[in-house]
C-alpha cells in the first residue's frame, strides 16, 4: 500500500493493492488513520484499481474513515474499483457515503 499526500489540494491518496480482508484491514486502518490525523485532508481518495479481493472488512475500512473525516468536513472518493469491487461497494450502499468514480488520475478527481 502506498500513501501520497498533495498539500496543494489537501488530498490524501491511498493506493491500495492485493486483498482487503480481516487480516490486512487492521494494518490499513492504522496507516490510513495516521496519515489522516497527520495531514487533515479535505479529500481522502482510496484507489482500488490494484485490489484483487475485498470482503466486508473493506466496507468497514471505508465506513470507519468516513466517520473520522465527516466531523472534519472531509469527503471520501473510491477510485477505480474493478467490476467485482464496484459490485461489493454498491451492494453495501457505499455510494451514500462516498463518490465512486472510474478514473485513476487525482487531477481528474480534483476538477
C-alpha atoms as a PDB file:
ATOM      1  CA  UNK A   1       0.000   0.000   0.000  1.00  0.00           C
ATOM      2  CA  UNK A   2       1.201   3.489  -0.823  1.00  0.00           C
ATOM      3  CA  UNK A   3       0.029   6.750   0.713  1.00  0.00           C
ATOM      4  CA  UNK A   4       0.551  10.069  -1.089  1.00  0.00           C
ATOM      5  CA  UNK A   5      -0.422  13.493   0.177  1.00  0.00           C
ATOM      6  CA  UNK A   6      -0.904  16.541  -2.033  1.00  0.00           C
ATOM      7  CA  UNK A   7      -0.739  19.606   0.188  1.00  0.00           C
ATOM      8  CA  UNK A   8      -1.732  21.990  -2.604  1.00  0.00           C
ATOM      9  CA  UNK A   9      -5.101  20.282  -2.980  1.00  0.00           C
ATOM     10  CA  UNK A  10      -5.395  18.882   0.553  1.00  0.00           C
ATOM     11  CA  UNK A  11      -5.819  15.367  -0.811  1.00  0.00           C
ATOM     12  CA  UNK A  12      -4.681  12.121   0.706  1.00  0.00           C
ATOM     13  CA  UNK A  13      -4.338   9.443  -1.980  1.00  0.00           C
ATOM     14  CA  UNK A  14      -4.086   5.844  -0.815  1.00  0.00           C
ATOM     15  CA  UNK A  15      -3.089   3.308  -3.454  1.00  0.00           C
ATOM     16  CA  UNK A  16      -4.462   0.002  -2.210  1.00  0.00           C
ATOM     17  CA  UNK A  17      -3.273  -3.313  -3.593  1.00  0.00           C
ATOM     18  CA  UNK A  18      -3.810  -7.003  -3.123  1.00  0.00           C
ATOM     19  CA  UNK A  19      -6.514  -8.328  -0.846  1.00  0.00           C
ATOM     20  CA  UNK A  20      -8.504  -6.411   1.743  1.00  0.00           C
ATOM     21  CA  UNK A  21      -9.706  -8.855   4.371  1.00  0.00           C
ATOM     22  CA  UNK A  22      -9.787  -9.187   8.158  1.00  0.00           C
ATOM     23  CA  UNK A  23      -6.011  -9.563   8.413  1.00  0.00           C
ATOM     24  CA  UNK A  24      -4.934  -6.773   6.067  1.00  0.00           C
ATOM     25  CA  UNK A  25      -7.604  -4.260   7.053  1.00  0.00           C
ATOM     26  CA  UNK A  26      -6.150  -3.848  10.568  1.00  0.00           C
ATOM     27  CA  UNK A  27      -2.840  -2.575   9.178  1.00  0.00           C
ATOM     28  CA  UNK A  28      -4.568  -0.490   6.501  1.00  0.00           C
ATOM     29  CA  UNK A  29      -6.752   1.226   9.090  1.00  0.00           C
ATOM     30  CA  UNK A  30      -3.776   2.117  11.269  1.00  0.00           C
ATOM     31  CA  UNK A  31      -1.717   3.515   8.384  1.00  0.00           C
ATOM     32  CA  UNK A  32      -4.573   5.485   6.816  1.00  0.00           C
ATOM     33  CA  UNK A  33      -5.711   6.880  10.170  1.00  0.00           C
ATOM     34  CA  UNK A  34      -2.169   8.020  10.996  1.00  0.00           C
ATOM     35  CA  UNK A  35      -1.962   9.820   7.643  1.00  0.00           C
ATOM     36  CA  UNK A  36      -5.408  11.402   8.123  1.00  0.00           C
ATOM     37  CA  UNK A  37      -4.522  12.783  11.549  1.00  0.00           C
ATOM     38  CA  UNK A  38      -1.098  13.948  10.351  1.00  0.00           C
ATOM     39  CA  UNK A  39      -2.398  15.838   7.303  1.00  0.00           C
ATOM     40  CA  UNK A  40      -6.115  16.531   7.963  1.00  0.00           C
ATOM     41  CA  UNK A  41      -7.054  16.151   4.281  1.00  0.00           C
ATOM     42  CA  UNK A  42     -10.170  17.648   2.726  1.00  0.00           C
ATOM     43  CA  UNK A  43     -10.413  14.616   0.428  1.00  0.00           C
ATOM     44  CA  UNK A  44      -9.391  11.011   1.031  1.00  0.00           C
ATOM     45  CA  UNK A  45      -9.023   9.112  -2.230  1.00  0.00           C
ATOM     46  CA  UNK A  46      -8.928   5.333  -1.912  1.00  0.00           C
ATOM     47  CA  UNK A  47      -7.646   3.885  -5.196  1.00  0.00           C
ATOM     48  CA  UNK A  48      -8.886   0.316  -5.652  1.00  0.00           C
ATOM     49  CA  UNK A  49      -7.510  -0.412  -9.115  1.00  0.00           C
ATOM     50  CA  UNK A  50      -4.990  -2.978  -7.799  1.00  0.00           C
ATOM     51  CA  UNK A  51      -7.285  -4.612  -5.241  1.00  0.00           C
ATOM     52  CA  UNK A  52      -7.955  -8.228  -6.200  1.00  0.00           C
ATOM     53  CA  UNK A  53     -10.316  -9.193  -3.364  1.00  0.00           C
ATOM     54  CA  UNK A  54     -12.348  -7.398  -0.735  1.00  0.00           C
ATOM     55  CA  UNK A  55     -14.769  -8.685   1.867  1.00  0.00           C
ATOM     56  CA  UNK A  56     -16.840  -6.885   4.499  1.00  0.00           C
ATOM     57  CA  UNK A  57     -13.628  -5.764   6.214  1.00  0.00           C
ATOM     58  CA  UNK A  58     -13.092  -3.407   3.279  1.00  0.00           C
ATOM     59  CA  UNK A  59     -16.553  -1.959   3.788  1.00  0.00           C
ATOM     60  CA  UNK A  60     -15.716  -1.444   7.460  1.00  0.00           C
ATOM     61  CA  UNK A  61     -12.465   0.232   6.441  1.00  0.00           C
ATOM     62  CA  UNK A  62     -14.359   2.751   4.311  1.00  0.00           C
ATOM     63  CA  UNK A  63     -17.064   3.375   6.910  1.00  0.00           C
ATOM     64  CA  UNK A  64     -14.518   3.974   9.659  1.00  0.00           C
ATOM     65  CA  UNK A  65     -12.592   6.522   7.595  1.00  0.00           C
ATOM     66  CA  UNK A  66     -15.887   8.218   6.707  1.00  0.00           C
ATOM     67  CA  UNK A  67     -16.684   8.562  10.422  1.00  0.00           C
ATOM     68  CA  UNK A  68     -13.285  10.159  11.021  1.00  0.00           C
ATOM     69  CA  UNK A  69     -13.490  12.593   8.091  1.00  0.00           C
ATOM     70  CA  UNK A  70     -17.130  13.649   8.382  1.00  0.00           C
ATOM     71  CA  UNK A  71     -16.678  15.826  11.520  1.00  0.00           C
ATOM     72  CA  UNK A  72     -13.615  17.392   9.834  1.00  0.00           C
ATOM     73  CA  UNK A  73     -15.708  18.363   6.816  1.00  0.00           C
ATOM     74  CA  UNK A  74     -13.836  15.885   4.632  1.00  0.00           C
ATOM     75  CA  UNK A  75     -15.028  13.555   1.905  1.00  0.00           C
ATOM     76  CA  UNK A  76     -14.060  10.150   0.548  1.00  0.00           C
ATOM     77  CA  UNK A  77     -13.663   9.172  -3.083  1.00  0.00           C
ATOM     78  CA  UNK A  78     -13.492   5.500  -4.036  1.00  0.00           C
ATOM     79  CA  UNK A  79     -11.483   5.423  -7.223  1.00  0.00           C
ATOM     80  CA  UNK A  80     -11.159   2.841  -9.996  1.00  0.00           C
ATOM     81  CA  UNK A  81     -12.757  -0.251  -8.456  1.00  0.00           C
ATOM     82  CA  UNK A  82     -12.823  -3.405 -10.566  1.00  0.00           C
ATOM     83  CA  UNK A  83     -16.284  -4.612 -11.603  1.00  0.00           C
ATOM     84  CA  UNK A  84     -16.222  -7.103  -8.694  1.00  0.00           C
ATOM     85  CA  UNK A  85     -15.189  -4.487  -6.119  1.00  0.00           C
ATOM     86  CA  UNK A  86     -17.658  -1.990  -7.590  1.00  0.00           C
ATOM     87  CA  UNK A  87     -20.469  -4.511  -7.122  1.00  0.00           C
ATOM     88  CA  UNK A  88     -19.458  -5.120  -3.487  1.00  0.00           C
ATOM     89  CA  UNK A  89     -19.372  -1.348  -2.864  1.00  0.00           C
ATOM     90  CA  UNK A  90     -22.766  -0.748  -4.429  1.00  0.00           C
ATOM     91  CA  UNK A  91     -24.416  -3.708  -2.671  1.00  0.00           C
ATOM     92  CA  UNK A  92     -23.162  -2.276   0.621  1.00  0.00           C
ATOM     93  CA  UNK A  93     -24.566   1.166  -0.248  1.00  0.00           C
ATOM     94  CA  UNK A  94     -21.176   2.894  -0.210  1.00  0.00           C
ATOM     95  CA  UNK A  95     -22.324   5.428  -2.806  1.00  0.00           C
ATOM     96  CA  UNK A  96     -24.272   7.074   0.040  1.00  0.00           C
ATOM     97  CA  UNK A  97     -21.015   7.738   1.918  1.00  0.00           C
ATOM     98  CA  UNK A  98     -18.528   8.243  -0.882  1.00  0.00           C
ATOM     99  CA  UNK A  99     -18.303   9.130  -4.523  1.00  0.00           C
ATOM    100  CA  UNK A 100     -17.372   6.103  -6.664  1.00  0.00           C
ATOM    101  CA  UNK A 101     -15.507   7.012  -9.842  1.00  0.00           C
ATOM    102  CA  UNK A 102     -13.721   5.158 -12.602  1.00  0.00           C
ATOM    103  CA  UNK A 103     -10.572   7.215 -13.089  1.00  0.00           C
ATOM    104  CA  UNK A 104      -7.031   6.813 -11.815  1.00  0.00           C
ATOM    105  CA  UNK A 105      -5.924  10.432 -12.161  1.00  0.00           C
ATOM    106  CA  UNK A 106      -6.110  12.532  -8.966  1.00  0.00           C
ATOM    107  CA  UNK A 107      -6.115  15.629 -11.183  1.00  0.00           C
ATOM    108  CA  UNK A 108      -9.346  14.444 -12.802  1.00  0.00           C
ATOM    109  CA  UNK A 109     -10.824  13.813  -9.331  1.00  0.00           C
ATOM    110  CA  UNK A 110      -9.948  17.331  -8.153  1.00  0.00           C
ATOM    111  CA  UNK A 111     -11.601  19.061 -11.101  1.00  0.00           C
END
